[in-house]
C-alpha cells in the first residue's frame, strides 16, 4: 500500500486526530506506532527503525532513547475508516484493511484471489500443526484424564489456560473420584495447599463435561462449632468452562466487592463461587451429585458470568460419574 493517508476517510473524527496519527518523518499514518519514552513523541515503527541506523538520538534529539508501543495512538488508528485503494467502493475499518486486500476485495481477479486464499490456508495449516505439536508436548505425558477423550477437547483445555498463561506448563493428576474415593475429605487430602492452580473436570451421567480453574488454594476448613461454615478464597486467575460447547465463563471482577472464586469446607468437594453458589459438590458426590446456583431462590449471586444451569446443559442438579483434579504447574 503506497500511502494510507491518501485513502483514509477524512471526516470530522480524522480531522480531530490528524496531528496525533500522522508521522512527522514520512507524513503518512503512524503504522505500528512507537513512542519515545523520554519526550513522548510517536512515529511509525518502520520510520524509527530506519532513523536509528543513522542517529543515536530520537527525532526530537533525546539522547539514548528507548521506544515502546504508543497504545493511545494505536487506539486512535483503530477507529479510522478507509476507501478501498482498488476502487471497490467499500468502506473498510482500519483493522480489516489487510484482510480486505488479501481476499475480500471484489476487484481482485479470480486467479490472484485464489493464490492469496491458498497462501492463507497453508499458513493456517502450519499454525494448526504447530498447535498440535505444542499440545502433544505439553499434555501427552502429563494429563492422564478419563474425562478428556479426544484432541479437540484437549485443545480447548489448552487454549483456555493459554488465555491467562504464557510459556510451558504441565497438568499433574492429583485426584480421581472413581480411583481415590468420592468424599470431600479425600479430595482435600490430595488437592489442598497446591501453589500454581487447580483444574477441576466434571463429567455427568449425560456426558456433559464442565469444570473450573483457580489459582486460589483449596484448604480443609472445619469449624467444630458450626459444621456448615466454610472459608472463601479469592485467587487471581479464575474461570469456569463448558467443554461440550467450548465456552469459557469469566470471573466477575469488582473493585469494591470481590466475589470468592472457591468455597472450602472439609466435607464437600471442589466448590466454585461465593458460598459455592456457582458449583456445589456434595460429599459422597458419585452418589449425591452436585448443584448449580443452589441458593438462587434466596437471592444469592454467582461469582462467574454463567447463565442459569448452562454449565450442566440445563440441569440444576446433576449426577456425577467422574471428577478429576489436576495441579497446574508452570515450567521454567
C-alpha atoms as a PDB file:
ATOM      1  CA  UNK A   1       0.000   0.000   0.000  1.00  0.00           C
ATOM      2  CA  UNK A   2       1.656   3.182  -1.193  1.00  0.00           C
ATOM      3  CA  UNK A   3       0.084   5.659   1.236  1.00  0.00           C
ATOM      4  CA  UNK A   4      -2.534   5.095   3.916  1.00  0.00           C
ATOM      5  CA  UNK A   5      -3.389   8.754   4.301  1.00  0.00           C
ATOM      6  CA  UNK A   6      -4.484   9.015   0.653  1.00  0.00           C
ATOM      7  CA  UNK A   7      -7.351   6.587   1.315  1.00  0.00           C
ATOM      8  CA  UNK A   8      -8.430   7.456   4.846  1.00  0.00           C
ATOM      9  CA  UNK A   9     -11.954   8.875   5.176  1.00  0.00           C
ATOM     10  CA  UNK A  10     -11.275  12.499   6.023  1.00  0.00           C
ATOM     11  CA  UNK A  11     -14.266  13.032   8.253  1.00  0.00           C
ATOM     12  CA  UNK A  12     -14.670  15.096  11.415  1.00  0.00           C
ATOM     13  CA  UNK A  13     -13.069  12.362  13.529  1.00  0.00           C
ATOM     14  CA  UNK A  14      -9.960  12.149  11.349  1.00  0.00           C
ATOM     15  CA  UNK A  15      -9.584  15.923  11.294  1.00  0.00           C
ATOM     16  CA  UNK A  16      -9.704  15.988  15.103  1.00  0.00           C
ATOM     17  CA  UNK A  17      -6.877  13.450  15.482  1.00  0.00           C
ATOM     18  CA  UNK A  18      -4.867  14.106  12.314  1.00  0.00           C
ATOM     19  CA  UNK A  19      -1.851  15.540  14.111  1.00  0.00           C
ATOM     20  CA  UNK A  20      -1.738  12.637  16.580  1.00  0.00           C
ATOM     21  CA  UNK A  21      -1.842   9.881  13.943  1.00  0.00           C
ATOM     22  CA  UNK A  22       0.402  11.430  11.252  1.00  0.00           C
ATOM     23  CA  UNK A  23       4.100  10.550  11.390  1.00  0.00           C
ATOM     24  CA  UNK A  24       6.434  13.577  11.274  1.00  0.00           C
ATOM     25  CA  UNK A  25       9.059  11.518   9.417  1.00  0.00           C
ATOM     26  CA  UNK A  26       7.097  10.005   6.498  1.00  0.00           C
ATOM     27  CA  UNK A  27       3.950  12.188   6.714  1.00  0.00           C
ATOM     28  CA  UNK A  28       1.791   9.075   6.447  1.00  0.00           C
ATOM     29  CA  UNK A  29      -0.276   7.432   9.176  1.00  0.00           C
ATOM     30  CA  UNK A  30       1.690   6.003  12.104  1.00  0.00           C
ATOM     31  CA  UNK A  31       1.578   2.295  11.309  1.00  0.00           C
ATOM     32  CA  UNK A  32       2.572   0.083  14.291  1.00  0.00           C
ATOM     33  CA  UNK A  33       3.218   3.310  16.247  1.00  0.00           C
ATOM     34  CA  UNK A  34       6.025   3.521  18.781  1.00  0.00           C
ATOM     35  CA  UNK A  35       6.751   6.282  21.289  1.00  0.00           C
ATOM     36  CA  UNK A  36       9.956   7.712  22.682  1.00  0.00           C
ATOM     37  CA  UNK A  37       9.720   7.151  26.442  1.00  0.00           C
ATOM     38  CA  UNK A  38      11.595  10.411  27.125  1.00  0.00           C
ATOM     39  CA  UNK A  39       9.738  13.007  25.039  1.00  0.00           C
ATOM     40  CA  UNK A  40       6.512  11.011  24.431  1.00  0.00           C
ATOM     41  CA  UNK A  41       6.536  11.739  20.672  1.00  0.00           C
ATOM     42  CA  UNK A  42       5.440   8.877  18.439  1.00  0.00           C
ATOM     43  CA  UNK A  43       6.274   7.624  14.938  1.00  0.00           C
ATOM     44  CA  UNK A  44       5.869   4.662  12.594  1.00  0.00           C
ATOM     45  CA  UNK A  45       7.916   1.732  13.835  1.00  0.00           C
ATOM     46  CA  UNK A  46       9.437   1.349  10.364  1.00  0.00           C
ATOM     47  CA  UNK A  47      10.452   5.020  10.299  1.00  0.00           C
ATOM     48  CA  UNK A  48      12.156   4.755  13.701  1.00  0.00           C
ATOM     49  CA  UNK A  49      13.979   1.583  12.643  1.00  0.00           C
ATOM     50  CA  UNK A  50      15.418   3.431   9.659  1.00  0.00           C
ATOM     51  CA  UNK A  51      16.101   6.544  11.785  1.00  0.00           C
ATOM     52  CA  UNK A  52      18.173   4.577  14.302  1.00  0.00           C
ATOM     53  CA  UNK A  53      20.541   3.436  11.566  1.00  0.00           C
ATOM     54  CA  UNK A  54      21.851   6.977  11.203  1.00  0.00           C
ATOM     55  CA  UNK A  55      21.232   8.644  14.572  1.00  0.00           C
ATOM     56  CA  UNK A  56      21.671   7.788  18.253  1.00  0.00           C
ATOM     57  CA  UNK A  57      19.052  10.400  19.193  1.00  0.00           C
ATOM     58  CA  UNK A  58      15.309  10.444  18.650  1.00  0.00           C
ATOM     59  CA  UNK A  59      13.881  12.894  16.065  1.00  0.00           C
ATOM     60  CA  UNK A  60      13.349  15.378  18.920  1.00  0.00           C
ATOM     61  CA  UNK A  61      17.002  14.992  19.995  1.00  0.00           C
ATOM     62  CA  UNK A  62      16.572  12.823  23.107  1.00  0.00           C
ATOM     63  CA  UNK A  63      19.855  11.083  23.943  1.00  0.00           C
ATOM     64  CA  UNK A  64      19.874   7.248  24.052  1.00  0.00           C
ATOM     65  CA  UNK A  65      16.115   6.959  23.524  1.00  0.00           C
ATOM     66  CA  UNK A  66      14.008   3.932  24.325  1.00  0.00           C
ATOM     67  CA  UNK A  67      10.821   3.175  22.398  1.00  0.00           C
ATOM     68  CA  UNK A  68       7.615   1.498  23.472  1.00  0.00           C
ATOM     69  CA  UNK A  69       4.252   0.802  21.818  1.00  0.00           C
ATOM     70  CA  UNK A  70       2.197   4.009  21.510  1.00  0.00           C
ATOM     71  CA  UNK A  71      -1.060   2.470  22.708  1.00  0.00           C
ATOM     72  CA  UNK A  72      -3.082   5.668  22.646  1.00  0.00           C
ATOM     73  CA  UNK A  73      -2.172   6.330  19.006  1.00  0.00           C
ATOM     74  CA  UNK A  74      -2.865   2.690  18.167  1.00  0.00           C
ATOM     75  CA  UNK A  75      -6.358   3.011  19.646  1.00  0.00           C
ATOM     76  CA  UNK A  76      -6.995   6.197  17.660  1.00  0.00           C
ATOM     77  CA  UNK A  77      -5.972   4.486  14.411  1.00  0.00           C
ATOM     78  CA  UNK A  78      -8.350   1.586  15.020  1.00  0.00           C
ATOM     79  CA  UNK A  79     -11.335   3.951  14.765  1.00  0.00           C
ATOM     80  CA  UNK A  80     -10.421   5.197  11.277  1.00  0.00           C
ATOM     81  CA  UNK A  81     -12.214   4.076   8.106  1.00  0.00           C
ATOM     82  CA  UNK A  82     -10.738   3.833   4.616  1.00  0.00           C
ATOM     83  CA  UNK A  83     -11.745   3.802   0.975  1.00  0.00           C
ATOM     84  CA  UNK A  84     -10.555   0.772  -0.962  1.00  0.00           C
ATOM     85  CA  UNK A  85      -7.412   1.550  -2.979  1.00  0.00           C
ATOM     86  CA  UNK A  86      -8.667  -0.845  -5.667  1.00  0.00           C
ATOM     87  CA  UNK A  87     -11.835   1.199  -6.135  1.00  0.00           C
ATOM     88  CA  UNK A  88     -14.427  -1.349  -4.996  1.00  0.00           C
ATOM     89  CA  UNK A  89     -16.458   1.394  -3.260  1.00  0.00           C
ATOM     90  CA  UNK A  90     -16.418  -0.357   0.126  1.00  0.00           C
ATOM     91  CA  UNK A  91     -15.605   1.459   3.370  1.00  0.00           C
ATOM     92  CA  UNK A  92     -13.159  -0.592   5.429  1.00  0.00           C
ATOM     93  CA  UNK A  93     -12.229  -0.260   9.137  1.00  0.00           C
ATOM     94  CA  UNK A  94      -8.505   0.064   9.778  1.00  0.00           C
ATOM     95  CA  UNK A  95      -8.111  -3.340  11.448  1.00  0.00           C
ATOM     96  CA  UNK A  96      -9.700  -5.114   8.432  1.00  0.00           C
ATOM     97  CA  UNK A  97      -7.688  -3.443   5.676  1.00  0.00           C
ATOM     98  CA  UNK A  98      -5.217  -6.282   5.175  1.00  0.00           C
ATOM     99  CA  UNK A  99      -7.925  -8.950   5.165  1.00  0.00           C
ATOM    100  CA  UNK A 100      -9.887  -6.938   2.602  1.00  0.00           C
ATOM    101  CA  UNK A 101      -6.925  -6.611   0.246  1.00  0.00           C
ATOM    102  CA  UNK A 102      -5.866 -10.225   0.751  1.00  0.00           C
ATOM    103  CA  UNK A 103      -9.098 -11.984  -0.140  1.00  0.00           C
ATOM    104  CA  UNK A 104     -12.311  -9.915   0.123  1.00  0.00           C
ATOM    105  CA  UNK A 105     -11.988  -7.123  -2.435  1.00  0.00           C
ATOM    106  CA  UNK A 106     -14.188  -7.796  -5.470  1.00  0.00           C
ATOM    107  CA  UNK A 107     -11.647  -6.041  -7.699  1.00  0.00           C
ATOM    108  CA  UNK A 108      -9.089  -8.789  -7.135  1.00  0.00           C
ATOM    109  CA  UNK A 109      -9.176 -11.106 -10.149  1.00  0.00           C
ATOM    110  CA  UNK A 110     -10.039 -14.766  -9.543  1.00  0.00           C
ATOM    111  CA  UNK A 111      -6.552 -16.300 -10.067  1.00  0.00           C
ATOM    112  CA  UNK A 112      -4.960 -13.714  -7.771  1.00  0.00           C
ATOM    113  CA  UNK A 113      -7.658 -14.203  -5.129  1.00  0.00           C
ATOM    114  CA  UNK A 114      -7.193 -17.972  -5.333  1.00  0.00           C
ATOM    115  CA  UNK A 115      -3.442 -17.654  -4.756  1.00  0.00           C
ATOM    116  CA  UNK A 116      -3.969 -15.373  -1.777  1.00  0.00           C
ATOM    117  CA  UNK A 117      -6.556 -17.683  -0.245  1.00  0.00           C
ATOM    118  CA  UNK A 118      -4.308 -20.688  -0.838  1.00  0.00           C
ATOM    119  CA  UNK A 119      -1.436 -18.904   0.898  1.00  0.00           C
ATOM    120  CA  UNK A 120      -3.660 -18.060   3.872  1.00  0.00           C
ATOM    121  CA  UNK A 121      -4.948 -21.644   4.008  1.00  0.00           C
ATOM    122  CA  UNK A 122      -1.405 -23.030   4.091  1.00  0.00           C
ATOM    123  CA  UNK A 123      -0.481 -20.567   6.853  1.00  0.00           C
ATOM    124  CA  UNK A 124      -3.446 -21.759   8.928  1.00  0.00           C
ATOM    125  CA  UNK A 125      -2.486 -25.392   8.329  1.00  0.00           C
ATOM    126  CA  UNK A 126       1.036 -24.663   9.569  1.00  0.00           C
ATOM    127  CA  UNK A 127      -0.316 -22.865  12.652  1.00  0.00           C
ATOM    128  CA  UNK A 128      -2.643 -25.770  13.411  1.00  0.00           C
ATOM    129  CA  UNK A 129       0.225 -28.245  13.078  1.00  0.00           C
ATOM    130  CA  UNK A 130       2.343 -26.155  15.433  1.00  0.00           C
ATOM    131  CA  UNK A 131      -0.531 -26.073  17.928  1.00  0.00           C
ATOM    132  CA  UNK A 132      -0.909 -29.859  17.733  1.00  0.00           C
ATOM    133  CA  UNK A 133       2.804 -30.301  18.368  1.00  0.00           C
ATOM    134  CA  UNK A 134       2.705 -27.939  21.345  1.00  0.00           C
ATOM    135  CA  UNK A 135      -0.294 -29.689  22.843  1.00  0.00           C
ATOM    136  CA  UNK A 136       1.291 -33.094  22.334  1.00  0.00           C
ATOM    137  CA  UNK A 137       4.481 -31.932  24.044  1.00  0.00           C
ATOM    138  CA  UNK A 138       2.712 -30.349  26.988  1.00  0.00           C
ATOM    139  CA  UNK A 139      -0.043 -32.847  27.635  1.00  0.00           C
ATOM    140  CA  UNK A 140       0.903 -36.240  26.230  1.00  0.00           C
ATOM    141  CA  UNK A 141       2.721 -37.435  29.337  1.00  0.00           C
ATOM    142  CA  UNK A 142       1.105 -35.131  31.887  1.00  0.00           C
ATOM    143  CA  UNK A 143      -2.670 -35.182  31.508  1.00  0.00           C
ATOM    144  CA  UNK A 144      -3.844 -38.655  32.356  1.00  0.00           C
ATOM    145  CA  UNK A 145      -7.566 -37.904  32.088  1.00  0.00           C
ATOM    146  CA  UNK A 146     -10.526 -40.270  31.832  1.00  0.00           C
ATOM    147  CA  UNK A 147     -12.807 -37.309  31.040  1.00  0.00           C
ATOM    148  CA  UNK A 148     -10.892 -35.643  28.186  1.00  0.00           C
ATOM    149  CA  UNK A 149     -11.408 -38.115  25.369  1.00  0.00           C
ATOM    150  CA  UNK A 150     -10.183 -36.500  22.125  1.00  0.00           C
ATOM    151  CA  UNK A 151      -7.754 -33.887  20.836  1.00  0.00           C
ATOM    152  CA  UNK A 152     -10.475 -31.259  20.287  1.00  0.00           C
ATOM    153  CA  UNK A 153     -11.351 -31.357  23.982  1.00  0.00           C
ATOM    154  CA  UNK A 154      -7.639 -31.293  24.784  1.00  0.00           C
ATOM    155  CA  UNK A 155      -7.109 -28.237  22.545  1.00  0.00           C
ATOM    156  CA  UNK A 156      -9.975 -26.457  24.307  1.00  0.00           C
ATOM    157  CA  UNK A 157      -8.428 -27.007  27.750  1.00  0.00           C
ATOM    158  CA  UNK A 158      -5.002 -25.969  26.472  1.00  0.00           C
ATOM    159  CA  UNK A 159      -6.290 -22.817  24.740  1.00  0.00           C
ATOM    160  CA  UNK A 160      -8.368 -21.862  27.794  1.00  0.00           C
ATOM    161  CA  UNK A 161      -5.283 -21.923  30.015  1.00  0.00           C
ATOM    162  CA  UNK A 162      -3.217 -20.075  27.398  1.00  0.00           C
ATOM    163  CA  UNK A 163      -5.649 -17.149  27.596  1.00  0.00           C
ATOM    164  CA  UNK A 164      -4.205 -16.495  31.055  1.00  0.00           C
ATOM    165  CA  UNK A 165      -0.730 -18.057  30.979  1.00  0.00           C
ATOM    166  CA  UNK A 166       2.198 -17.932  28.583  1.00  0.00           C
ATOM    167  CA  UNK A 167       5.055 -20.405  28.407  1.00  0.00           C
ATOM    168  CA  UNK A 168       5.157 -24.111  29.174  1.00  0.00           C
ATOM    169  CA  UNK A 169       3.139 -25.805  31.875  1.00  0.00           C
ATOM    170  CA  UNK A 170       2.054 -29.274  32.960  1.00  0.00           C
ATOM    171  CA  UNK A 171      -1.148 -30.657  34.436  1.00  0.00           C
ATOM    172  CA  UNK A 172      -0.446 -33.338  37.020  1.00  0.00           C
ATOM    173  CA  UNK A 173      -3.345 -35.602  38.021  1.00  0.00           C
ATOM    174  CA  UNK A 174      -3.886 -35.287  41.786  1.00  0.00           C
ATOM    175  CA  UNK A 175      -7.285 -36.804  42.282  1.00  0.00           C
ATOM    176  CA  UNK A 176      -9.826 -39.034  40.508  1.00  0.00           C
ATOM    177  CA  UNK A 177     -13.113 -39.824  42.231  1.00  0.00           C
ATOM    178  CA  UNK A 178     -13.506 -43.375  40.882  1.00  0.00           C
ATOM    179  CA  UNK A 179      -9.920 -44.167  41.879  1.00  0.00           C
ATOM    180  CA  UNK A 180      -9.444 -42.286  45.150  1.00  0.00           C
ATOM    181  CA  UNK A 181     -12.945 -42.123  46.618  1.00  0.00           C
ATOM    182  CA  UNK A 182     -15.684 -39.529  46.337  1.00  0.00           C
ATOM    183  CA  UNK A 183     -15.521 -37.845  49.743  1.00  0.00           C
ATOM    184  CA  UNK A 184     -14.703 -34.224  50.424  1.00  0.00           C
ATOM    185  CA  UNK A 185     -12.023 -35.315  52.881  1.00  0.00           C
ATOM    186  CA  UNK A 186     -10.228 -37.377  50.257  1.00  0.00           C
ATOM    187  CA  UNK A 187     -10.362 -34.533  47.728  1.00  0.00           C
ATOM    188  CA  UNK A 188      -8.897 -32.114  50.266  1.00  0.00           C
ATOM    189  CA  UNK A 189      -6.266 -34.608  51.398  1.00  0.00           C
ATOM    190  CA  UNK A 190      -4.881 -34.834  47.852  1.00  0.00           C
ATOM    191  CA  UNK A 191      -5.545 -31.334  46.486  1.00  0.00           C
ATOM    192  CA  UNK A 192      -5.125 -28.775  49.269  1.00  0.00           C
ATOM    193  CA  UNK A 193      -2.416 -26.106  49.501  1.00  0.00           C
ATOM    194  CA  UNK A 194      -1.161 -26.555  45.924  1.00  0.00           C
ATOM    195  CA  UNK A 195       0.508 -23.374  44.693  1.00  0.00           C
ATOM    196  CA  UNK A 196       0.058 -22.645  40.991  1.00  0.00           C
ATOM    197  CA  UNK A 197      -3.517 -23.658  40.272  1.00  0.00           C
ATOM    198  CA  UNK A 198      -6.090 -26.435  40.333  1.00  0.00           C
ATOM    199  CA  UNK A 199      -8.084 -27.544  37.278  1.00  0.00           C
ATOM    200  CA  UNK A 200     -11.280 -29.470  38.083  1.00  0.00           C
ATOM    201  CA  UNK A 201     -13.080 -31.592  35.460  1.00  0.00           C
ATOM    202  CA  UNK A 202     -16.601 -32.965  35.959  1.00  0.00           C
ATOM    203  CA  UNK A 203     -18.464 -35.493  33.805  1.00  0.00           C
ATOM    204  CA  UNK A 204     -22.185 -36.172  34.305  1.00  0.00           C
ATOM    205  CA  UNK A 205     -24.244 -39.257  33.531  1.00  0.00           C
ATOM    206  CA  UNK A 206     -25.464 -37.450  30.385  1.00  0.00           C
ATOM    207  CA  UNK A 207     -21.886 -36.979  29.128  1.00  0.00           C
ATOM    208  CA  UNK A 208     -21.924 -33.255  29.881  1.00  0.00           C
ATOM    209  CA  UNK A 209     -18.411 -32.079  30.736  1.00  0.00           C
ATOM    210  CA  UNK A 210     -17.576 -28.889  32.579  1.00  0.00           C
ATOM    211  CA  UNK A 211     -15.411 -27.571  35.398  1.00  0.00           C
ATOM    212  CA  UNK A 212     -13.337 -24.725  36.730  1.00  0.00           C
ATOM    213  CA  UNK A 213      -9.837 -23.388  37.255  1.00  0.00           C
ATOM    214  CA  UNK A 214      -8.464 -21.304  40.112  1.00  0.00           C
ATOM    215  CA  UNK A 215      -5.054 -20.301  41.374  1.00  0.00           C
ATOM    216  CA  UNK A 216      -6.543 -19.926  44.853  1.00  0.00           C
ATOM    217  CA  UNK A 217      -5.546 -22.777  47.165  1.00  0.00           C
ATOM    218  CA  UNK A 218      -8.152 -25.230  48.408  1.00  0.00           C
ATOM    219  CA  UNK A 219      -7.978 -25.939  52.142  1.00  0.00           C
ATOM    220  CA  UNK A 220      -9.736 -28.329  54.582  1.00  0.00           C
ATOM    221  CA  UNK A 221     -11.616 -25.704  56.579  1.00  0.00           C
ATOM    222  CA  UNK A 222     -13.508 -27.084  59.564  1.00  0.00           C
ATOM    223  CA  UNK A 223     -15.434 -25.321  62.300  1.00  0.00           C
ATOM    224  CA  UNK A 224     -16.338 -27.709  65.155  1.00  0.00           C
ATOM    225  CA  UNK A 225     -18.996 -25.291  66.419  1.00  0.00           C
ATOM    226  CA  UNK A 226     -20.682 -24.914  63.039  1.00  0.00           C
ATOM    227  CA  UNK A 227     -20.260 -27.787  60.620  1.00  0.00           C
ATOM    228  CA  UNK A 228     -21.983 -25.807  57.842  1.00  0.00           C
ATOM    229  CA  UNK A 229     -19.403 -22.990  57.978  1.00  0.00           C
ATOM    230  CA  UNK A 230     -16.754 -22.694  55.304  1.00  0.00           C
ATOM    231  CA  UNK A 231     -13.987 -20.441  54.072  1.00  0.00           C
ATOM    232  CA  UNK A 232     -13.988 -18.315  50.914  1.00  0.00           C
ATOM    233  CA  UNK A 233     -10.803 -17.988  48.829  1.00  0.00           C
ATOM    234  CA  UNK A 234     -10.349 -15.373  46.125  1.00  0.00           C
ATOM    235  CA  UNK A 235      -7.390 -16.049  43.800  1.00  0.00           C
ATOM    236  CA  UNK A 236      -6.124 -14.002  40.863  1.00  0.00           C
ATOM    237  CA  UNK A 237      -6.957 -16.213  37.868  1.00  0.00           C
ATOM    238  CA  UNK A 238     -10.342 -17.940  37.962  1.00  0.00           C
ATOM    239  CA  UNK A 239     -12.721 -19.195  35.276  1.00  0.00           C
ATOM    240  CA  UNK A 240     -15.341 -21.853  34.623  1.00  0.00           C
ATOM    241  CA  UNK A 241     -15.770 -23.728  31.347  1.00  0.00           C
ATOM    242  CA  UNK A 242     -18.190 -25.946  29.434  1.00  0.00           C
ATOM    243  CA  UNK A 243     -16.247 -28.472  27.362  1.00  0.00           C
ATOM    244  CA  UNK A 244     -19.079 -29.726  25.128  1.00  0.00           C
ATOM    245  CA  UNK A 245     -19.896 -26.185  23.972  1.00  0.00           C
ATOM    246  CA  UNK A 246     -16.256 -24.985  24.119  1.00  0.00           C
ATOM    247  CA  UNK A 247     -17.284 -21.999  26.242  1.00  0.00           C
ATOM    248  CA  UNK A 248     -15.462 -20.087  28.994  1.00  0.00           C
ATOM    249  CA  UNK A 249     -17.194 -18.177  31.800  1.00  0.00           C
ATOM    250  CA  UNK A 250     -15.145 -15.341  33.247  1.00  0.00           C
ATOM    251  CA  UNK A 251     -14.840 -14.314  36.879  1.00  0.00           C
ATOM    252  CA  UNK A 252     -16.746 -11.175  37.851  1.00  0.00           C
ATOM    253  CA  UNK A 253     -14.081  -8.665  38.854  1.00  0.00           C
ATOM    254  CA  UNK A 254     -15.116  -5.812  41.115  1.00  0.00           C
ATOM    255  CA  UNK A 255     -13.026  -3.050  42.638  1.00  0.00           C
ATOM    256  CA  UNK A 256     -15.315  -2.748  45.657  1.00  0.00           C
ATOM    257  CA  UNK A 257     -16.796  -6.170  46.381  1.00  0.00           C
ATOM    258  CA  UNK A 258     -14.615  -9.009  45.154  1.00  0.00           C
ATOM    259  CA  UNK A 259     -16.599 -12.275  44.996  1.00  0.00           C
ATOM    260  CA  UNK A 260     -14.975 -15.517  46.106  1.00  0.00           C
ATOM    261  CA  UNK A 261     -13.540 -17.863  43.487  1.00  0.00           C
ATOM    262  CA  UNK A 262     -13.918 -21.031  45.582  1.00  0.00           C
ATOM    263  CA  UNK A 263     -15.562 -22.185  48.802  1.00  0.00           C
ATOM    264  CA  UNK A 264     -13.692 -24.568  51.119  1.00  0.00           C
ATOM    265  CA  UNK A 265     -15.037 -26.985  53.697  1.00  0.00           C
ATOM    266  CA  UNK A 266     -13.617 -30.338  54.766  1.00  0.00           C
ATOM    267  CA  UNK A 267     -16.769 -32.331  53.980  1.00  0.00           C
ATOM    268  CA  UNK A 268     -17.526 -31.007  50.465  1.00  0.00           C
ATOM    269  CA  UNK A 269     -15.712 -31.412  47.159  1.00  0.00           C
ATOM    270  CA  UNK A 270     -14.381 -28.613  44.927  1.00  0.00           C
ATOM    271  CA  UNK A 271     -16.968 -25.815  45.150  1.00  0.00           C
ATOM    272  CA  UNK A 272     -16.747 -22.679  42.981  1.00  0.00           C
ATOM    273  CA  UNK A 273     -18.119 -19.217  43.661  1.00  0.00           C
ATOM    274  CA  UNK A 274     -19.237 -17.292  46.741  1.00  0.00           C
ATOM    275  CA  UNK A 275     -20.519 -19.896  49.232  1.00  0.00           C
ATOM    276  CA  UNK A 276     -20.299 -22.480  46.423  1.00  0.00           C
ATOM    277  CA  UNK A 277     -23.133 -20.805  44.544  1.00  0.00           C
ATOM    278  CA  UNK A 278     -21.733 -21.479  41.048  1.00  0.00           C
ATOM    279  CA  UNK A 279     -20.806 -25.157  41.510  1.00  0.00           C
ATOM    280  CA  UNK A 280     -21.654 -27.054  44.706  1.00  0.00           C
ATOM    281  CA  UNK A 281     -20.178 -30.565  45.010  1.00  0.00           C
ATOM    282  CA  UNK A 282     -21.701 -32.538  47.883  1.00  0.00           C
ATOM    283  CA  UNK A 283     -19.908 -35.137  49.983  1.00  0.00           C
ATOM    284  CA  UNK A 284     -20.050 -38.669  48.510  1.00  0.00           C
ATOM    285  CA  UNK A 285     -20.673 -36.948  45.205  1.00  0.00           C
ATOM    286  CA  UNK A 286     -20.740 -40.038  42.976  1.00  0.00           C
ATOM    287  CA  UNK A 287     -23.959 -40.840  44.832  1.00  0.00           C
ATOM    288  CA  UNK A 288     -25.132 -37.348  45.896  1.00  0.00           C
ATOM    289  CA  UNK A 289     -24.142 -35.434  42.750  1.00  0.00           C
ATOM    290  CA  UNK A 290     -23.806 -31.670  42.533  1.00  0.00           C
ATOM    291  CA  UNK A 291     -25.876 -28.490  42.243  1.00  0.00           C
ATOM    292  CA  UNK A 292     -25.566 -25.294  40.222  1.00  0.00           C
ATOM    293  CA  UNK A 293     -26.782 -21.979  41.723  1.00  0.00           C
ATOM    294  CA  UNK A 294     -28.087 -23.838  44.777  1.00  0.00           C
ATOM    295  CA  UNK A 295     -29.404 -20.755  46.615  1.00  0.00           C
ATOM    296  CA  UNK A 296     -30.548 -18.661  43.678  1.00  0.00           C
ATOM    297  CA  UNK A 297     -34.063 -18.642  45.132  1.00  0.00           C
ATOM    298  CA  UNK A 298     -32.607 -16.901  48.194  1.00  0.00           C
ATOM    299  CA  UNK A 299     -31.172 -14.095  46.105  1.00  0.00           C
ATOM    300  CA  UNK A 300     -27.580 -15.378  46.000  1.00  0.00           C
ATOM    301  CA  UNK A 301     -25.494 -14.050  43.102  1.00  0.00           C
ATOM    302  CA  UNK A 302     -22.975 -16.066  41.094  1.00  0.00           C
ATOM    303  CA  UNK A 303     -19.284 -15.168  41.068  1.00  0.00           C
ATOM    304  CA  UNK A 304     -18.896 -16.113  37.390  1.00  0.00           C
ATOM    305  CA  UNK A 305     -20.740 -14.927  34.271  1.00  0.00           C
ATOM    306  CA  UNK A 306     -22.823 -18.075  33.787  1.00  0.00           C
ATOM    307  CA  UNK A 307     -26.405 -18.306  32.590  1.00  0.00           C
ATOM    308  CA  UNK A 308     -28.885 -20.470  34.506  1.00  0.00           C
ATOM    309  CA  UNK A 309     -27.541 -24.039  34.645  1.00  0.00           C
ATOM    310  CA  UNK A 310     -25.655 -23.557  31.370  1.00  0.00           C
ATOM    311  CA  UNK A 311     -22.633 -25.443  32.676  1.00  0.00           C
ATOM    312  CA  UNK A 312     -24.585 -28.703  33.025  1.00  0.00           C
ATOM    313  CA  UNK A 313     -26.705 -28.193  29.922  1.00  0.00           C
ATOM    314  CA  UNK A 314     -29.863 -27.139  31.752  1.00  0.00           C
ATOM    315  CA  UNK A 315     -29.799 -29.250  34.901  1.00  0.00           C
ATOM    316  CA  UNK A 316     -29.632 -27.590  38.295  1.00  0.00           C
ATOM    317  CA  UNK A 317     -28.946 -30.929  39.977  1.00  0.00           C
ATOM    318  CA  UNK A 318     -26.622 -33.276  38.120  1.00  0.00           C
ATOM    319  CA  UNK A 319     -25.321 -36.788  38.673  1.00  0.00           C
ATOM    320  CA  UNK A 320     -21.518 -37.132  38.595  1.00  0.00           C
ATOM    321  CA  UNK A 321     -19.916 -40.194  37.013  1.00  0.00           C
ATOM    322  CA  UNK A 322     -16.341 -38.849  37.219  1.00  0.00           C
ATOM    323  CA  UNK A 323     -14.497 -35.931  38.779  1.00  0.00           C
ATOM    324  CA  UNK A 324     -10.790 -35.191  38.361  1.00  0.00           C
ATOM    325  CA  UNK A 325      -8.462 -32.529  39.741  1.00  0.00           C
ATOM    326  CA  UNK A 326      -5.142 -31.543  38.171  1.00  0.00           C
ATOM    327  CA  UNK A 327      -2.304 -29.496  39.606  1.00  0.00           C
ATOM    328  CA  UNK A 328      -1.276 -26.701  37.222  1.00  0.00           C
ATOM    329  CA  UNK A 329       2.476 -26.125  37.349  1.00  0.00           C
ATOM    330  CA  UNK A 330       4.420 -23.656  35.206  1.00  0.00           C
ATOM    331  CA  UNK A 331       7.771 -24.829  33.864  1.00  0.00           C
ATOM    332  CA  UNK A 332      10.890 -22.673  33.715  1.00  0.00           C
END
